[in-house]
């Protein structure tokens, strides 16, 4: 059974990448002219992922606006603005959006 859903961890504070993340969340830091999250989403889409759930916290409005510009994969947002939940808590909160089937977890700042 192919895996068609992914969770992208995008809610971190980006403190280790300061000063790059003073004005943008870590998933929007640019690598080779494109946002880190676009590299991840493009690779996941090419691998057959049809839906990605992205959790947001720090500078969430910027990340959400960027995600709305993408056509593929379908993107759902798990909002953690009220409280940063760390990795396990973020995935737990997103489970209703992820659904019952197996899914991939990917860091927004990992470039393959």
PDB file of N, CA and C in Angstrom:
ATOM      1  N   UNK A   1       0.850  -1.183   0.000  1.00  0.00           N
ATOM      2  CA  UNK A   1       0.000   0.000   0.000  1.00  0.00           C
ATOM      3  C   UNK A   1       0.897   1.248   0.000  1.00  0.00           C
ATOM      4  N   UNK A   2       0.778   2.088  -0.988  1.00  0.00           N
ATOM      5  CA  UNK A   2       1.614   3.301  -1.007  1.00  0.00           C
ATOM      6  C   UNK A   2       1.194   4.287   0.089  1.00  0.00           C
ATOM      7  N   UNK A   3       2.161   4.980   0.631  1.00  0.00           N
ATOM      8  CA  UNK A   3       1.883   6.000   1.643  1.00  0.00           C
ATOM      9  C   UNK A   3       1.576   7.302   0.920  1.00  0.00           C
ATOM     10  N   UNK A   4       0.389   7.844   1.174  1.00  0.00           N
ATOM     11  CA  UNK A   4      -0.062   9.039   0.474  1.00  0.00           C
ATOM     12  C   UNK A   4      -0.200  10.260   1.366  1.00  0.00           C
ATOM     13  N   UNK A   5       0.135  10.123   2.651  1.00  0.00           N
ATOM     14  CA  UNK A   5      -0.008  11.231   3.595  1.00  0.00           C
ATOM     15  C   UNK A   5       1.307  11.458   4.321  1.00  0.00           C
ATOM     16  N   UNK A   6       1.613  12.726   4.557  1.00  0.00           N
ATOM     17  CA  UNK A   6       2.828  13.080   5.300  1.00  0.00           C
ATOM     18  C   UNK A   6       2.507  14.158   6.326  1.00  0.00           C
ATOM     19  N   UNK A   7       3.282  14.157   7.389  1.00  0.00           N
ATOM     20  CA  UNK A   7       3.240  15.238   8.378  1.00  0.00           C
ATOM     21  C   UNK A   7       4.569  15.950   8.276  1.00  0.00           C
ATOM     22  N   UNK A   8       4.517  17.250   8.069  1.00  0.00           N
ATOM     23  CA  UNK A   8       5.739  18.051   8.041  1.00  0.00           C
ATOM     24  C   UNK A   8       5.779  18.888   9.309  1.00  0.00           C
ATOM     25  N   UNK A   9       6.850  18.729  10.048  1.00  0.00           N
ATOM     26  CA  UNK A   9       7.026  19.440  11.310  1.00  0.00           C
ATOM     27  C   UNK A   9       7.529  20.849  11.014  1.00  0.00           C
ATOM     28  N   UNK A  10       6.638  21.811  11.126  1.00  0.00           N
ATOM     29  CA  UNK A  10       6.980  23.181  10.795  1.00  0.00           C
ATOM     30  C   UNK A  10       6.752  24.167  11.927  1.00  0.00           C
ATOM     31  N   UNK A  11       6.500  23.660  13.139  1.00  0.00           N
ATOM     32  CA  UNK A  11       6.084  24.536  14.234  1.00  0.00           C
ATOM     33  C   UNK A  11       7.216  25.003  15.137  1.00  0.00           C
ATOM     34  N   UNK A  12       8.433  24.574  14.889  1.00  0.00           N
ATOM     35  CA  UNK A  12       9.531  24.942  15.780  1.00  0.00           C
ATOM     36  C   UNK A  12       9.799  26.435  15.813  1.00  0.00           C
ATOM     37  N   UNK A  13      10.573  26.831  16.805  1.00  0.00           N
ATOM     38  CA  UNK A  13      10.903  28.251  16.985  1.00  0.00           C
ATOM     39  C   UNK A  13      12.071  28.717  16.125  1.00  0.00           C
ATOM     40  N   UNK A  14      12.844  27.798  15.587  1.00  0.00           N
ATOM     41  CA  UNK A  14      13.958  28.177  14.724  1.00  0.00           C
ATOM     42  C   UNK A  14      15.101  28.863  15.440  1.00  0.00           C
ATOM     43  N   UNK A  15      15.237  28.648  16.736  1.00  0.00           N
ATOM     44  CA  UNK A  15      16.250  29.372  17.514  1.00  0.00           C
ATOM     45  C   UNK A  15      17.675  29.050  17.085  1.00  0.00           C
ATOM     46  N   UNK A  16      17.939  27.830  16.645  1.00  0.00           N
ATOM     47  CA  UNK A  16      19.299  27.468  16.226  1.00  0.00           C
ATOM     48  C   UNK A  16      19.697  28.107  14.904  1.00  0.00           C
ATOM     49  N   UNK A  17      18.735  28.642  14.171  1.00  0.00           N
ATOM     50  CA  UNK A  17      19.046  29.244  12.870  1.00  0.00           C
ATOM     51  C   UNK A  17      18.996  30.770  12.909  1.00  0.00           C
ATOM     52  N   UNK A  18      18.966  31.331  14.105  1.00  0.00           N
ATOM     53  CA  UNK A  18      18.981  32.791  14.213  1.00  0.00           C
ATOM     54  C   UNK A  18      20.322  33.311  13.723  1.00  0.00           C
ATOM     55  N   UNK A  19      20.436  34.391  13.036  1.00  0.00           N
ATOM     56  CA  UNK A  19      19.439  35.419  12.794  1.00  0.00           C
ATOM     57  C   UNK A  19      18.563  35.169  11.558  1.00  0.00           C
ATOM     58  N   UNK A  20      18.773  34.059  10.846  1.00  0.00           N
ATOM     59  CA  UNK A  20      17.961  33.795   9.650  1.00  0.00           C
ATOM     60  C   UNK A  20      16.477  33.715   9.960  1.00  0.00           C
ATOM     61  N   UNK A  21      16.140  33.290  11.176  1.00  0.00           N
ATOM     62  CA  UNK A  21      14.743  33.092  11.532  1.00  0.00           C
ATOM     63  C   UNK A  21      14.169  34.233  12.378  1.00  0.00           C
ATOM     64  N   UNK A  22      14.845  35.347  12.414  1.00  0.00           N
ATOM     65  CA  UNK A  22      14.293  36.498  13.136  1.00  0.00           C
ATOM     66  C   UNK A  22      13.005  37.006  12.484  1.00  0.00           C
ATOM     67  N   UNK A  23      12.938  36.932  11.152  1.00  0.00           N
ATOM     68  CA  UNK A  23      11.790  37.498  10.428  1.00  0.00           C
ATOM     69  C   UNK A  23      10.946  36.471   9.688  1.00  0.00           C
ATOM     70  N   UNK A  24      11.439  35.252   9.575  1.00  0.00           N
ATOM     71  CA  UNK A  24      10.685  34.188   8.904  1.00  0.00           C
ATOM     72  C   UNK A  24      10.792  32.906   9.720  1.00  0.00           C
ATOM     73  N   UNK A  25       9.759  32.065   9.679  1.00  0.00           N
ATOM     74  CA  UNK A  25       9.868  30.771  10.351  1.00  0.00           C
ATOM     75  C   UNK A  25      10.863  29.887   9.603  1.00  0.00           C
ATOM     76  N   UNK A  26      11.446  28.956  10.314  1.00  0.00           N
ATOM     77  CA  UNK A  26      12.475  28.095   9.729  1.00  0.00           C
ATOM     78  C   UNK A  26      12.048  27.431   8.412  1.00  0.00           C
ATOM     79  N   UNK A  27      10.820  26.948   8.265  1.00  0.00           N
ATOM     80  CA  UNK A  27      10.457  26.325   6.982  1.00  0.00           C
ATOM     81  C   UNK A  27      10.534  27.274   5.787  1.00  0.00           C
ATOM     82  N   UNK A  28      10.551  28.579   6.034  1.00  0.00           N
ATOM     83  CA  UNK A  28      10.622  29.544   4.928  1.00  0.00           C
ATOM     84  C   UNK A  28      12.032  30.054   4.667  1.00  0.00           C
ATOM     85  N   UNK A  29      13.012  29.594   5.444  1.00  0.00           N
ATOM     86  CA  UNK A  29      14.407  29.938   5.144  1.00  0.00           C
ATOM     87  C   UNK A  29      14.712  29.394   3.758  1.00  0.00           C
ATOM     88  N   UNK A  30      15.433  30.180   2.971  1.00  0.00           N
ATOM     89  CA  UNK A  30      15.672  29.819   1.576  1.00  0.00           C
ATOM     90  C   UNK A  30      16.962  29.014   1.414  1.00  0.00           C
ATOM     91  N   UNK A  31      16.870  28.005   0.564  1.00  0.00           N
ATOM     92  CA  UNK A  31      18.000  27.175   0.168  1.00  0.00           C
ATOM     93  C   UNK A  31      17.947  27.072  -1.350  1.00  0.00           C
ATOM     94  N   UNK A  32      18.993  27.498  -1.998  1.00  0.00           N
ATOM     95  CA  UNK A  32      19.044  27.464  -3.460  1.00  0.00           C
ATOM     96  C   UNK A  32      17.857  28.214  -4.071  1.00  0.00           C
ATOM     97  N   UNK A  33      17.487  29.339  -3.445  1.00  0.00           N
ATOM     98  CA  UNK A  33      16.452  30.205  -3.985  1.00  0.00           C
ATOM     99  C   UNK A  33      15.023  29.814  -3.657  1.00  0.00           C
ATOM    100  N   UNK A  34      14.832  28.748  -2.891  1.00  0.00           N
ATOM    101  CA  UNK A  34      13.481  28.281  -2.557  1.00  0.00           C
ATOM    102  C   UNK A  34      13.366  28.001  -1.070  1.00  0.00           C
ATOM    103  N   UNK A  35      12.156  28.120  -0.545  1.00  0.00           N
ATOM    104  CA  UNK A  35      11.922  27.834   0.868  1.00  0.00           C
ATOM    105  C   UNK A  35      12.202  26.356   1.163  1.00  0.00           C
ATOM    106  N   UNK A  36      12.776  26.115   2.353  1.00  0.00           N
ATOM    107  CA  UNK A  36      13.074  24.734   2.752  1.00  0.00           C
ATOM    108  C   UNK A  36      11.844  23.840   2.644  1.00  0.00           C
ATOM    109  N   UNK A  37      10.698  24.332   3.067  1.00  0.00           N
ATOM    110  CA  UNK A  37       9.493  23.499   3.040  1.00  0.00           C
ATOM    111  C   UNK A  37       9.087  23.137   1.610  1.00  0.00           C
ATOM    112  N   UNK A  38       9.394  23.990   0.643  1.00  0.00           N
ATOM    113  CA  UNK A  38       9.073  23.658  -0.749  1.00  0.00           C
ATOM    114  C   UNK A  38       9.929  22.500  -1.247  1.00  0.00           C
ATOM    115  N   UNK A  39      11.181  22.457  -0.831  1.00  0.00           N
ATOM    116  CA  UNK A  39      12.024  21.308  -1.194  1.00  0.00           C
ATOM    117  C   UNK A  39      11.382  20.024  -0.664  1.00  0.00           C
ATOM    118  N   UNK A  40      10.959  20.034   0.609  1.00  0.00           N
ATOM    119  CA  UNK A  40      10.354  18.851   1.212  1.00  0.00           C
ATOM    120  C   UNK A  40       9.038  18.486   0.531  1.00  0.00           C
ATOM    121  N   UNK A  41       8.170  19.457   0.330  1.00  0.00           N
ATOM    122  CA  UNK A  41       6.866  19.180  -0.291  1.00  0.00           C
ATOM    123  C   UNK A  41       7.011  18.666  -1.717  1.00  0.00           C
ATOM    124  N   UNK A  42       7.956  19.212  -2.467  1.00  0.00           N
ATOM    125  CA  UNK A  42       8.166  18.751  -3.844  1.00  0.00           C
ATOM    126  C   UNK A  42       8.646  17.302  -3.871  1.00  0.00           C
ATOM    127  N   UNK A  43       9.564  16.949  -2.986  1.00  0.00           N
ATOM    128  CA  UNK A  43      10.073  15.574  -2.946  1.00  0.00           C
ATOM    129  C   UNK A  43       8.977  14.604  -2.503  1.00  0.00           C
ATOM    130  N   UNK A  44       8.205  15.012  -1.497  1.00  0.00           N
ATOM    131  CA  UNK A  44       7.115  14.150  -1.045  1.00  0.00           C
ATOM    132  C   UNK A  44       6.085  13.955  -2.147  1.00  0.00           C
ATOM    133  N   UNK A  45       5.740  15.018  -2.848  1.00  0.00           N
ATOM    134  CA  UNK A  45       4.786  14.919  -3.947  1.00  0.00           C
ATOM    135  C   UNK A  45       5.312  13.990  -5.041  1.00  0.00           C
ATOM    136  N   UNK A  46       6.590  14.117  -5.360  1.00  0.00           N
ATOM    137  CA  UNK A  46       7.192  13.257  -6.382  1.00  0.00           C
ATOM    138  C   UNK A  46       7.187  11.784  -5.950  1.00  0.00           C
ATOM    139  N   UNK A  47       7.191  11.538  -4.646  1.00  0.00           N
ATOM    140  CA  UNK A  47       7.182  10.176  -4.122  1.00  0.00           C
ATOM    141  C   UNK A  47       5.758   9.616  -3.990  1.00  0.00           C
ATOM    142  N   UNK A  48       4.750  10.402  -4.383  1.00  0.00           N
ATOM    143  CA  UNK A  48       3.384   9.905  -4.367  1.00  0.00           C
ATOM    144  C   UNK A  48       2.532  10.396  -3.211  1.00  0.00           C
ATOM    145  N   UNK A  49       3.084  11.265  -2.376  1.00  0.00           N
ATOM    146  CA  UNK A  49       2.293  11.816  -1.279  1.00  0.00           C
ATOM    147  C   UNK A  49       1.273  12.785  -1.855  1.00  0.00           C
ATOM    148  N   UNK A  50       0.006  12.595  -1.508  1.00  0.00           N
ATOM    149  CA  UNK A  50      -1.067  13.429  -2.023  1.00  0.00           C
ATOM    150  C   UNK A  50      -1.539  14.488  -1.039  1.00  0.00           C
ATOM    151  N   UNK A  51      -1.294  14.244   0.278  1.00  0.00           N
ATOM    152  CA  UNK A  51      -1.765  15.166   1.308  1.00  0.00           C
ATOM    153  C   UNK A  51      -0.671  15.338   2.349  1.00  0.00           C
ATOM    154  N   UNK A  52      -0.435  16.595   2.719  1.00  0.00           N
ATOM    155  CA  UNK A  52       0.554  16.888   3.758  1.00  0.00           C
ATOM    156  C   UNK A  52      -0.108  17.727   4.842  1.00  0.00           C
ATOM    157  N   UNK A  53       0.134  17.353   6.072  1.00  0.00           N
ATOM    158  CA  UNK A  53      -0.308  18.126   7.227  1.00  0.00           C
ATOM    159  C   UNK A  53       0.928  18.842   7.751  1.00  0.00           C
ATOM    160  N   UNK A  54       0.834  20.159   7.873  1.00  0.00           N
ATOM    161  CA  UNK A  54       1.958  20.969   8.355  1.00  0.00           C
ATOM    162  C   UNK A  54       1.530  21.625   9.657  1.00  0.00           C
ATOM    163  N   UNK A  55       2.305  21.412  10.723  1.00  0.00           N
ATOM    164  CA  UNK A  55       1.966  22.112  11.960  1.00  0.00           C
ATOM    165  C   UNK A  55       2.680  23.463  11.981  1.00  0.00           C
ATOM    166  N   UNK A  56       2.020  24.455  12.583  1.00  0.00           N
ATOM    167  CA  UNK A  56       2.529  25.829  12.597  1.00  0.00           C
ATOM    168  C   UNK A  56       2.479  26.403  14.001  1.00  0.00           C
ATOM    169  N   UNK A  57       3.439  27.277  14.300  1.00  0.00           N
ATOM    170  CA  UNK A  57       3.446  27.974  15.592  1.00  0.00           C
ATOM    171  C   UNK A  57       4.102  29.350  15.424  1.00  0.00           C
ATOM    172  N   UNK A  58       5.428  29.387  15.344  1.00  0.00           N
ATOM    173  CA  UNK A  58       6.190  30.632  15.251  1.00  0.00           C
ATOM    174  C   UNK A  58       5.982  31.289  13.888  1.00  0.00           C
ATOM    175  N   UNK A  59       5.543  32.540  13.886  1.00  0.00           N
ATOM    176  CA  UNK A  59       5.264  33.282  12.651  1.00  0.00           C
ATOM    177  C   UNK A  59       4.362  32.482  11.710  1.00  0.00           C
ATOM    178  N   UNK A  60       3.346  31.868  12.319  1.00  0.00           N
ATOM    179  CA  UNK A  60       2.455  30.955  11.601  1.00  0.00           C
ATOM    180  C   UNK A  60       1.751  31.601  10.413  1.00  0.00           C
ATOM    181  N   UNK A  61       1.391  32.883  10.527  1.00  0.00           N
ATOM    182  CA  UNK A  61       0.685  33.537   9.424  1.00  0.00           C
ATOM    183  C   UNK A  61       1.523  33.551   8.149  1.00  0.00           C
ATOM    184  N   UNK A  62       2.823  33.768   8.295  1.00  0.00           N
ATOM    185  CA  UNK A  62       3.712  33.766   7.120  1.00  0.00           C
ATOM    186  C   UNK A  62       3.767  32.388   6.472  1.00  0.00           C
ATOM    187  N   UNK A  63       3.881  31.359   7.298  1.00  0.00           N
ATOM    188  CA  UNK A  63       3.959  30.003   6.766  1.00  0.00           C
ATOM    189  C   UNK A  63       2.633  29.606   6.110  1.00  0.00           C
ATOM    190  N   UNK A  64       1.523  29.920   6.746  1.00  0.00           N
ATOM    191  CA  UNK A  64       0.225  29.594   6.153  1.00  0.00           C
ATOM    192  C   UNK A  64       0.019  30.307   4.820  1.00  0.00           C
ATOM    193  N   UNK A  65       0.384  31.565   4.742  1.00  0.00           N
ATOM    194  CA  UNK A  65       0.244  32.306   3.478  1.00  0.00           C
ATOM    195  C   UNK A  65       1.082  31.653   2.385  1.00  0.00           C
ATOM    196  N   UNK A  66       2.276  31.232   2.719  1.00  0.00           N
ATOM    197  CA  UNK A  66       3.138  30.574   1.739  1.00  0.00           C
ATOM    198  C   UNK A  66       2.516  29.249   1.283  1.00  0.00           C
ATOM    199  N   UNK A  67       2.011  28.468   2.218  1.00  0.00           N
ATOM    200  CA  UNK A  67       1.444  27.167   1.879  1.00  0.00           C
ATOM    201  C   UNK A  67       0.232  27.299   0.963  1.00  0.00           C
ATOM    202  N   UNK A  68      -0.511  28.382   1.075  1.00  0.00           N
ATOM    203  CA  UNK A  68      -1.686  28.591   0.224  1.00  0.00           C
ATOM    204  C   UNK A  68      -1.309  28.807  -1.243  1.00  0.00           C
ATOM    205  N   UNK A  69      -0.043  29.108  -1.519  1.00  0.00           N
ATOM    206  CA  UNK A  69       0.392  29.318  -2.902  1.00  0.00           C
ATOM    207  C   UNK A  69       0.696  28.001  -3.614  1.00  0.00           C
ATOM    208  N   UNK A  70       0.689  26.911  -2.889  1.00  0.00           N
ATOM    209  CA  UNK A  70       1.046  25.611  -3.461  1.00  0.00           C
ATOM    210  C   UNK A  70      -0.182  24.853  -3.936  1.00  0.00           C
ATOM    211  N   UNK A  71      -0.025  24.149  -5.054  1.00  0.00           N
ATOM    212  CA  UNK A  71      -1.125  23.340  -5.588  1.00  0.00           C
ATOM    213  C   UNK A  71      -1.004  21.870  -5.160  1.00  0.00           C
ATOM    214  N   UNK A  72       0.215  21.367  -5.040  1.00  0.00           N
ATOM    215  CA  UNK A  72       0.430  19.941  -4.729  1.00  0.00           C
ATOM    216  C   UNK A  72       1.545  19.803  -3.717  1.00  0.00           C
ATOM    217  N   UNK A  73       1.424  18.896  -2.820  1.00  0.00           N
ATOM    218  CA  UNK A  73       0.251  18.114  -2.492  1.00  0.00           C
ATOM    219  C   UNK A  73      -0.811  18.975  -1.807  1.00  0.00           C
ATOM    220  N   UNK A  74      -1.979  18.403  -1.563  1.00  0.00           N
ATOM    221  CA  UNK A  74      -2.990  19.093  -0.764  1.00  0.00           C
ATOM    222  C   UNK A  74      -2.387  19.339   0.620  1.00  0.00           C
ATOM    223  N   UNK A  75      -2.571  20.529   1.153  1.00  0.00           N
ATOM    224  CA  UNK A  75      -1.970  20.864   2.443  1.00  0.00           C
ATOM    225  C   UNK A  75      -3.054  21.222   3.454  1.00  0.00           C
ATOM    226  N   UNK A  76      -2.961  20.583   4.619  1.00  0.00           N
ATOM    227  CA  UNK A  76      -3.807  20.894   5.757  1.00  0.00           C
ATOM    228  C   UNK A  76      -2.908  21.443   6.856  1.00  0.00           C
ATOM    229  N   UNK A  77      -3.411  22.382   7.628  1.00  0.00           N
ATOM    230  CA  UNK A  77      -2.613  23.011   8.673  1.00  0.00           C
ATOM    231  C   UNK A  77      -3.107  22.562  10.044  1.00  0.00           C
ATOM    232  N   UNK A  78      -2.166  22.144  10.870  1.00  0.00           N
ATOM    233  CA  UNK A  78      -2.439  21.844  12.269  1.00  0.00           C
ATOM    234  C   UNK A  78      -1.902  23.027  13.077  1.00  0.00           C
ATOM    235  N   UNK A  79      -2.800  23.781  13.649  1.00  0.00           N
ATOM    236  CA  UNK A  79      -2.462  25.056  14.287  1.00  0.00           C
ATOM    237  C   UNK A  79      -2.035  24.861  15.744  1.00  0.00           C
ATOM    238  N   UNK A  80      -0.801  25.248  16.031  1.00  0.00           N
ATOM    239  CA  UNK A  80      -0.269  25.180  17.392  1.00  0.00           C
ATOM    240  C   UNK A  80       0.071  26.574  17.911  1.00  0.00           C
ATOM    241  N   UNK A  81      -0.601  27.597  17.386  1.00  0.00           N
ATOM    242  CA  UNK A  81      -0.301  28.962  17.833  1.00  0.00           C
ATOM    243  C   UNK A  81      -0.459  29.121  19.344  1.00  0.00           C
ATOM    244  N   UNK A  82      -1.476  28.506  19.917  1.00  0.00           N
ATOM    245  CA  UNK A  82      -1.759  28.681  21.350  1.00  0.00           C
ATOM    246  C   UNK A  82      -0.704  28.032  22.230  1.00  0.00           C
ATOM    247  N   UNK A  83      -0.124  26.929  21.760  1.00  0.00           N
ATOM    248  CA  UNK A  83       0.874  26.231  22.563  1.00  0.00           C
ATOM    249  C   UNK A  83       1.733  25.357  21.662  1.00  0.00           C
ATOM    250  N   UNK A  84       3.036  25.531  21.768  1.00  0.00           N
ATOM    251  CA  UNK A  84       3.973  24.675  21.048  1.00  0.00           C
ATOM    252  C   UNK A  84       3.961  23.300  21.701  1.00  0.00           C
ATOM    253  N   UNK A  85       3.745  22.259  20.928  1.00  0.00           N
ATOM    254  CA  UNK A  85       3.520  20.921  21.475  1.00  0.00           C
ATOM    255  C   UNK A  85       4.701  19.973  21.323  1.00  0.00           C
ATOM    256  N   UNK A  86       5.793  20.417  20.764  1.00  0.00           N
ATOM    257  CA  UNK A  86       6.944  19.556  20.479  1.00  0.00           C
ATOM    258  C   UNK A  86       6.540  18.465  19.484  1.00  0.00           C
ATOM    259  N   UNK A  87       7.469  17.585  19.159  1.00  0.00           N
ATOM    260  CA  UNK A  87       7.235  16.622  18.078  1.00  0.00           C
ATOM    261  C   UNK A  87       6.075  15.680  18.363  1.00  0.00           C
ATOM    262  N   UNK A  88       6.136  14.954  19.462  1.00  0.00           N
ATOM    263  CA  UNK A  88       5.096  13.969  19.766  1.00  0.00           C
ATOM    264  C   UNK A  88       3.733  14.600  19.949  1.00  0.00           C
ATOM    265  N   UNK A  89       3.675  15.709  20.658  1.00  0.00           N
ATOM    266  CA  UNK A  89       2.406  16.389  20.874  1.00  0.00           C
ATOM    267  C   UNK A  89       1.836  16.958  19.591  1.00  0.00           C
ATOM    268  N   UNK A  90       2.720  17.455  18.731  1.00  0.00           N
ATOM    269  CA  UNK A  90       2.267  17.983  17.446  1.00  0.00           C
ATOM    270  C   UNK A  90       1.663  16.900  16.573  1.00  0.00           C
ATOM    271  N   UNK A  91       2.299  15.736  16.549  1.00  0.00           N
ATOM    272  CA  UNK A  91       1.766  14.620  15.760  1.00  0.00           C
ATOM    273  C   UNK A  91       0.445  14.146  16.365  1.00  0.00           C
ATOM    274  N   UNK A  92       0.382  14.038  17.675  1.00  0.00           N
ATOM    275  CA  UNK A  92      -0.854  13.607  18.334  1.00  0.00           C
ATOM    276  C   UNK A  92      -2.016  14.543  17.994  1.00  0.00           C
ATOM    277  N   UNK A  93      -1.764  15.853  18.062  1.00  0.00           N
ATOM    278  CA  UNK A  93      -2.823  16.824  17.731  1.00  0.00           C
ATOM    279  C   UNK A  93      -3.263  16.702  16.278  1.00  0.00           C
ATOM    280  N   UNK A  94      -2.334  16.374  15.396  1.00  0.00           N
ATOM    281  CA  UNK A  94      -2.630  16.296  13.962  1.00  0.00           C
ATOM    282  C   UNK A  94      -3.260  14.984  13.530  1.00  0.00           C
ATOM    283  N   UNK A  95      -3.322  13.988  14.396  1.00  0.00           N
ATOM    284  CA  UNK A  95      -3.848  12.677  13.996  1.00  0.00           C
ATOM    285  C   UNK A  95      -5.216  12.736  13.320  1.00  0.00           C
ATOM    286  N   UNK A  96      -6.164  13.552  13.787  1.00  0.00           N
ATOM    287  CA  UNK A  96      -7.447  13.605  13.066  1.00  0.00           C
ATOM    288  C   UNK A  96      -7.303  14.079  11.615  1.00  0.00           C
ATOM    289  N   UNK A  97      -6.318  14.928  11.350  1.00  0.00           N
ATOM    290  CA  UNK A  97      -6.089  15.401   9.980  1.00  0.00           C
ATOM    291  C   UNK A  97      -5.319  14.372   9.159  1.00  0.00           C
ATOM    292  N   UNK A  98      -4.487  13.597   9.822  1.00  0.00           N
ATOM    293  CA  UNK A  98      -3.654  12.613   9.134  1.00  0.00           C
ATOM    294  C   UNK A  98      -4.449  11.389   8.696  1.00  0.00           C
ATOM    295  N   UNK A  99      -5.459  11.025   9.460  1.00  0.00           N
ATOM    296  CA  UNK A  99      -6.285   9.879   9.106  1.00  0.00           C
ATOM    297  C   UNK A  99      -5.727   8.572   9.628  1.00  0.00           C
ATOM    298  N   UNK A 100      -6.412   7.474   9.314  1.00  0.00           N
ATOM    299  CA  UNK A 100      -6.077   6.176   9.895  1.00  0.00           C
ATOM    300  C   UNK A 100      -4.947   5.416   9.199  1.00  0.00           C
ATOM    301  N   UNK A 101      -4.570   5.845   8.012  1.00  0.00           N
ATOM    302  CA  UNK A 101      -3.564   5.100   7.242  1.00  0.00           C
ATOM    303  C   UNK A 101      -2.149   5.507   7.656  1.00  0.00           C
ATOM    304  N   UNK A 102      -1.160   4.673   7.304  1.00  0.00           N
ATOM    305  CA  UNK A 102       0.236   5.031   7.599  1.00  0.00           C
ATOM    306  C   UNK A 102       0.608   6.373   6.970  1.00  0.00           C
ATOM    307  N   UNK A 103       1.543   7.081   7.619  1.00  0.00           N
ATOM    308  CA  UNK A 103       1.997   8.365   7.096  1.00  0.00           C
ATOM    309  C   UNK A 103       3.482   8.532   7.375  1.00  0.00           C
ATOM    310  N   UNK A 104       4.069   9.450   6.629  1.00  0.00           N
ATOM    311  CA  UNK A 104       5.488   9.797   6.765  1.00  0.00           C
ATOM    312  C   UNK A 104       5.582  11.042   7.626  1.00  0.00           C
ATOM    313  N   UNK A 105       6.592  11.103   8.483  1.00  0.00           N
ATOM    314  CA  UNK A 105       6.888  12.329   9.222  1.00  0.00           C
ATOM    315  C   UNK A 105       8.184  12.891   8.665  1.00  0.00           C
ATOM    316  N   UNK A 106       8.162  14.187   8.346  1.00  0.00           N
ATOM    317  CA  UNK A 106       9.324  14.828   7.721  1.00  0.00           C
ATOM    318  C   UNK A 106       9.583  16.164   8.409  1.00  0.00           C
ATOM    319  N   UNK A 107      10.821  16.448   8.691  1.00  0.00           N
ATOM    320  CA  UNK A 107      11.175  17.784   9.221  1.00  0.00           C
ATOM    321  C   UNK A 107      11.137  18.800   8.091  1.00  0.00           C
ATOM    322  N   UNK A 108      10.657  19.979   8.408  1.00  0.00           N
ATOM    323  CA  UNK A 108      10.560  21.007   7.365  1.00  0.00           C
ATOM    324  C   UNK A 108      11.919  21.534   6.938  1.00  0.00           C
ATOM    325  N   UNK A 109      12.938  21.307   7.755  1.00  0.00           N
ATOM    326  CA  UNK A 109      14.267  21.843   7.433  1.00  0.00           C
ATOM    327  C   UNK A 109      15.230  20.768   6.929  1.00  0.00           C
ATOM    328  N   UNK A 110      14.717  19.616   6.556  1.00  0.00           N
ATOM    329  CA  UNK A 110      15.561  18.560   5.976  1.00  0.00           C
ATOM    330  C   UNK A 110      15.495  18.659   4.459  1.00  0.00           C
ATOM    331  N   UNK A 111      16.639  18.796   3.838  1.00  0.00           N
ATOM    332  CA  UNK A 111      16.683  18.860   2.376  1.00  0.00           C
ATOM    333  C   UNK A 111      17.309  17.575   1.861  1.00  0.00           C
ATOM    334  N   UNK A 112      16.601  16.912   0.932  1.00  0.00           N
ATOM    335  CA  UNK A 112      17.132  15.703   0.362  1.00  0.00           C
ATOM    336  C   UNK A 112      17.627  16.000  -1.030  1.00  0.00           C
TER     337      UNK A 112
END
